[in-house]
Protein backbone atom coordinates (compact mmCIF):
# COMPACT_ATOMS: atom_id res chain seq x y z
CA MET A 1 127.57 34.11 73.27
CA ASN A 2 130.73 33.54 75.25
CA GLU A 3 131.05 29.78 75.86
CA ALA A 4 132.65 30.49 79.24
CA TYR A 5 129.15 31.22 80.47
CA LEU A 6 128.40 27.52 80.56
CA HIS A 7 131.31 26.51 82.78
CA PRO A 8 131.64 26.78 86.59
CA GLY A 9 134.80 28.85 86.35
CA ALA A 10 132.78 31.80 85.08
CA ALA A 11 130.83 32.16 88.35
CA LEU A 12 130.96 35.47 90.19
CA ARG A 13 128.66 34.52 93.05
CA ARG A 14 126.62 31.54 94.16
CA LEU A 15 122.96 32.55 94.41
CA LYS A 16 121.43 29.26 95.48
CA THR A 17 122.16 25.57 95.99
CA ASP A 18 119.56 22.86 96.50
CA VAL A 19 118.79 19.28 95.47
CA PHE A 20 118.09 20.50 91.92
CA GLY A 21 121.61 21.85 91.43
CA CYS A 22 123.04 25.33 91.77
CA VAL A 23 122.34 28.83 90.47
CA ASP A 24 125.26 31.19 89.88
CA LEU A 25 125.74 34.76 88.81
CA CYS A 26 128.22 34.57 85.93
CA ASN A 27 130.71 36.86 84.29
CA THR A 28 130.29 37.14 80.53
CA GLY A 29 133.97 37.80 80.03
CA THR A 30 133.18 40.87 77.95
CA ALA A 31 134.09 44.31 79.26
CA GLY A 32 131.01 46.37 80.06
CA ASP A 33 128.65 43.49 79.40
CA ALA A 34 125.95 42.49 81.90
CA PRO A 35 126.30 39.31 83.98
CA ALA A 36 124.13 36.27 83.38
CA VAL A 37 122.44 33.66 85.56
CA ARG A 38 123.38 30.00 85.13
CA ARG A 39 121.17 27.16 86.41
CA ASP A 40 123.32 24.02 86.49
CA THR A 41 121.28 20.82 86.79
CA THR A 42 124.38 18.64 86.46
CA ALA A 43 125.09 19.53 90.11
CA ALA A 44 121.73 18.12 91.23
CA ARG A 45 121.47 15.14 93.56
CA TRP A 46 121.45 11.96 91.50
CA TRP A 47 117.90 11.05 92.50
CA ALA A 48 116.57 14.53 91.61
CA ARG A 49 118.51 15.10 88.39
CA TRP A 50 115.72 13.97 86.05
CA LEU A 51 113.31 16.38 87.77
CA ALA A 52 115.85 19.22 87.72
CA VAL A 53 116.32 18.77 83.96
CA TRP A 54 112.56 18.63 83.41
CA LEU A 55 112.01 21.85 85.39
CA ALA A 56 114.84 23.66 83.62
CA SER A 57 113.47 22.55 80.23
CA ARG A 58 110.09 24.05 81.16
CA GLU A 59 111.81 27.31 82.01
CA ALA A 60 113.71 27.30 78.71
CA ARG A 61 110.49 26.72 76.78
CA ALA A 62 108.70 29.57 78.59
CA LEU A 63 111.58 32.00 78.07
CA ARG A 64 111.65 31.17 74.35
CA ALA A 65 107.94 31.96 74.14
CA LEU A 66 108.51 35.28 75.95
CA GLU A 67 111.50 36.44 73.90
CA GLY A 68 111.58 40.24 73.77
CA VAL A 69 109.14 40.89 76.63
CA ALA A 70 110.37 43.62 78.99
CA GLY A 71 110.53 42.41 82.58
CA VAL A 72 111.29 38.81 81.58
CA PRO A 73 114.81 37.30 81.42
CA ARG A 74 116.10 36.42 77.97
CA LEU A 75 117.18 32.84 77.34
CA LEU A 76 120.84 32.67 76.28
CA ALA A 77 121.36 28.91 76.17
CA TRP A 78 119.90 25.58 77.25
CA ARG A 79 122.40 22.81 76.62
CA ASP A 80 123.89 19.80 78.39
CA GLY A 81 121.81 20.36 81.51
CA VAL A 82 122.81 24.02 81.88
CA LEU A 83 120.36 26.88 81.42
CA LEU A 84 121.69 30.37 80.90
CA ARG A 85 119.57 33.51 80.99
CA THR A 86 120.05 37.23 81.38
CA TRP A 87 120.25 38.84 84.80
CA ILE A 88 117.55 41.35 85.81
CA GLU A 89 118.66 43.86 88.41
CA GLY A 90 115.99 44.25 91.06
CA ARG A 91 114.87 43.64 94.63
CA PRO A 92 112.50 40.83 95.62
CA MET A 93 109.01 42.00 96.44
CA GLN A 94 109.23 41.09 100.12
CA GLU A 95 112.23 43.43 100.45
CA ALA A 96 111.09 46.27 98.19
CA ARG A 97 107.50 46.20 99.53
CA PRO A 98 105.97 48.10 96.57
CA ALA A 99 103.22 50.43 97.77
CA ASP A 100 102.75 52.36 94.53
CA ALA A 101 99.64 51.46 92.54
CA ARG A 102 101.62 52.08 89.34
CA TYR A 103 103.76 49.04 90.10
CA PHE A 104 100.69 46.82 90.27
CA ARG A 105 99.18 48.30 87.12
CA ALA A 106 102.42 47.57 85.29
CA ALA A 107 102.53 44.08 86.81
CA ARG A 108 99.03 43.41 85.53
CA ARG A 109 100.06 44.52 82.04
CA LEU A 110 103.09 42.22 82.26
CA LEU A 111 100.86 39.28 83.19
CA ARG A 112 98.53 40.10 80.32
CA THR A 113 101.48 39.94 77.94
CA LEU A 114 102.57 36.57 79.35
CA HIS A 115 99.10 35.14 78.92
CA ARG A 116 98.75 36.49 75.38
CA ARG A 117 102.01 34.72 74.54
CA GLY A 118 100.48 31.49 75.88
CA VAL A 119 102.50 31.37 79.12
CA ALA A 120 101.07 30.95 82.63
CA HIS A 121 103.73 31.40 85.31
CA ASN A 122 102.09 29.16 87.97
CA ASP A 123 104.39 30.25 90.82
CA LEU A 124 103.44 33.83 91.58
CA ALA A 125 102.37 33.31 95.18
CA LYS A 126 106.09 33.42 95.99
CA GLU A 127 107.20 36.99 96.48
CA PRO A 128 110.86 36.34 95.46
CA ASN A 129 109.60 35.62 91.93
CA TRP A 130 108.42 39.24 91.70
CA LEU A 131 111.16 41.85 91.36
CA VAL A 132 111.02 45.60 91.69
CA THR A 133 113.56 47.25 89.40
CA ALA A 134 115.41 50.49 90.11
CA GLN A 135 112.81 52.23 87.93
CA GLY A 136 110.00 50.86 90.13
CA LEU A 137 108.83 48.45 87.43
CA PRO A 138 107.92 44.77 87.83
CA ALA A 139 109.95 41.84 86.54
CA LEU A 140 109.26 38.11 86.82
CA VAL A 141 111.80 35.32 87.27
CA ASP A 142 111.77 31.54 87.77
CA TYR A 143 109.67 29.88 85.07
CA GLN A 144 110.37 26.29 86.09
CA LEU A 145 106.68 25.61 86.75
CA ALA A 146 105.38 27.64 83.82
CA THR A 147 102.81 26.24 81.40
CA VAL A 148 103.16 27.05 77.70
CA ARG A 149 100.21 26.53 75.36
CA ARG A 150 99.91 27.42 71.69
CA ARG A 151 96.14 27.10 71.88
CA PRO A 152 95.04 28.05 75.39
CA GLY A 153 91.99 26.17 76.63
CA ARG A 154 89.95 26.02 79.80
CA LEU A 155 92.81 24.79 81.98
CA PHE A 156 95.14 27.52 80.75
CA ARG A 157 92.51 30.18 81.43
CA SER A 158 92.19 28.86 84.99
CA LEU A 159 95.97 28.99 85.44
CA ALA A 160 96.09 32.54 84.05
CA ARG A 161 93.33 33.55 86.45
CA GLU A 162 95.36 32.13 89.34
CA ASP A 163 98.38 34.17 88.21
CA LEU A 164 96.22 37.28 88.44
CA ARG A 165 94.73 36.29 91.81
CA HIS A 166 98.21 35.88 93.28
CA LEU A 167 99.17 39.33 92.01
CA LEU A 168 96.04 40.78 93.63
CA LYS A 169 96.93 39.04 96.90
CA HIS A 170 100.25 40.86 96.86
CA LYS A 171 98.46 44.11 96.04
CA ARG A 172 96.18 43.49 99.03
CA THR A 173 99.29 43.10 101.20
CA TYR A 174 101.31 46.09 100.00
CA CYS A 175 98.76 48.45 98.47
CA PRO A 176 95.37 47.54 100.00
CA ASP A 177 93.81 50.99 99.64
CA ARG A 178 94.09 50.74 95.83
CA LEU A 179 92.12 47.51 95.44
CA THR A 180 89.17 48.06 93.12
CA PRO A 181 85.74 46.41 93.48
CA THR A 182 86.68 44.17 90.56
CA ASP A 183 89.92 43.20 92.30
CA ARG A 184 87.97 42.24 95.42
CA GLN A 185 85.54 40.14 93.38
CA LEU A 186 88.41 38.26 91.73
CA LEU A 187 90.02 37.64 95.12
CA ALA A 188 86.76 36.34 96.55
CA ARG A 189 86.11 33.86 93.72
CA ARG A 190 88.44 30.89 93.56
CA SER A 191 88.60 28.94 90.33
CA TRP A 192 87.88 25.21 90.24
CA PHE A 193 91.61 24.63 89.78
CA SER A 194 92.38 26.63 92.92
CA ARG A 195 89.83 24.71 94.97
CA VAL A 196 91.23 21.36 93.82
CA TRP A 197 94.81 22.53 94.46
CA ILE A 198 94.07 23.71 98.01
CA ARG A 199 92.33 20.47 98.95
CA ALA A 200 94.50 17.92 97.19
CA GLY A 201 97.66 19.40 95.69
CA LYS A 202 98.90 21.93 98.22
CA PRO A 203 99.22 19.54 101.21
CA VAL A 204 101.37 17.21 99.10
CA TYR A 205 103.42 20.13 97.76
CA LEU A 206 104.07 21.46 101.27
CA TRP A 207 105.05 18.02 102.54
CA VAL A 208 107.49 17.48 99.67
CA THR A 209 109.05 20.96 99.75
CA ARG A 210 109.29 21.33 103.53
CA ARG A 211 109.93 17.77 104.70
CA TRP A 212 111.77 16.29 101.72
CA LEU A 213 113.48 19.32 100.14
CA GLY A 214 113.82 21.41 103.32
CA TRP A 215 112.50 24.63 101.79
CA ALA A 216 111.09 27.43 103.94
CA ASP A 217 108.12 29.54 102.84
CA ARG A 218 110.17 31.88 100.67
CA GLU A 219 112.75 29.40 99.48
CA GLY A 220 112.74 27.27 96.39
CA ALA A 221 111.42 30.28 94.53
CA GLY A 222 114.04 30.34 91.82
CA ASP A 223 116.79 32.84 91.17
CA ARG A 224 117.11 35.40 93.92
CA GLN A 225 118.21 38.88 92.90
CA LEU A 226 120.63 39.67 95.74
């Protein structure tokens, strides 16, 4: 790996800046090589730096567990507060508006692979975390909230179910005529984790992200593919 990746001078374009630092598209410095995405927590606000490092470390752990999975970025480095991962070319779901049932079948297979590797994404309600590639395939970015378990238990199964429910919500939005009876049953049944989250966790999350961090509904969703 080219060490220039890890330094600000390698940036091609700023993708995002918030209290947790900045995210840049970087030049590898190698002719014909693909760019990379650098999440720099050293640029975080002093009072949020510990949280930025913790979130980036969760992403690094998830990407290690998902090494080799198509549709998932590959971790290049996690060192000195800087996370580096491969760039995936694609359009965010809210822009691409996938209406092909094949996209959602492939997305379900991708989720199944994540869960078999012991990774629950935990942030799939946000459309910018779903990409549609030029080939019409799904890709997933932003694993800062991901849970990694070597031995998945009841909580992990609930989190995996929520991942699937969020995918089905997007399918209901963009491809409603292809919802199956099983899909509708899953959408109608909230897990215990979802019920607790809606009543207790979500109001706090919305207050923190909107009032404290200043995020809008589709912001704070990780690396945007622009």
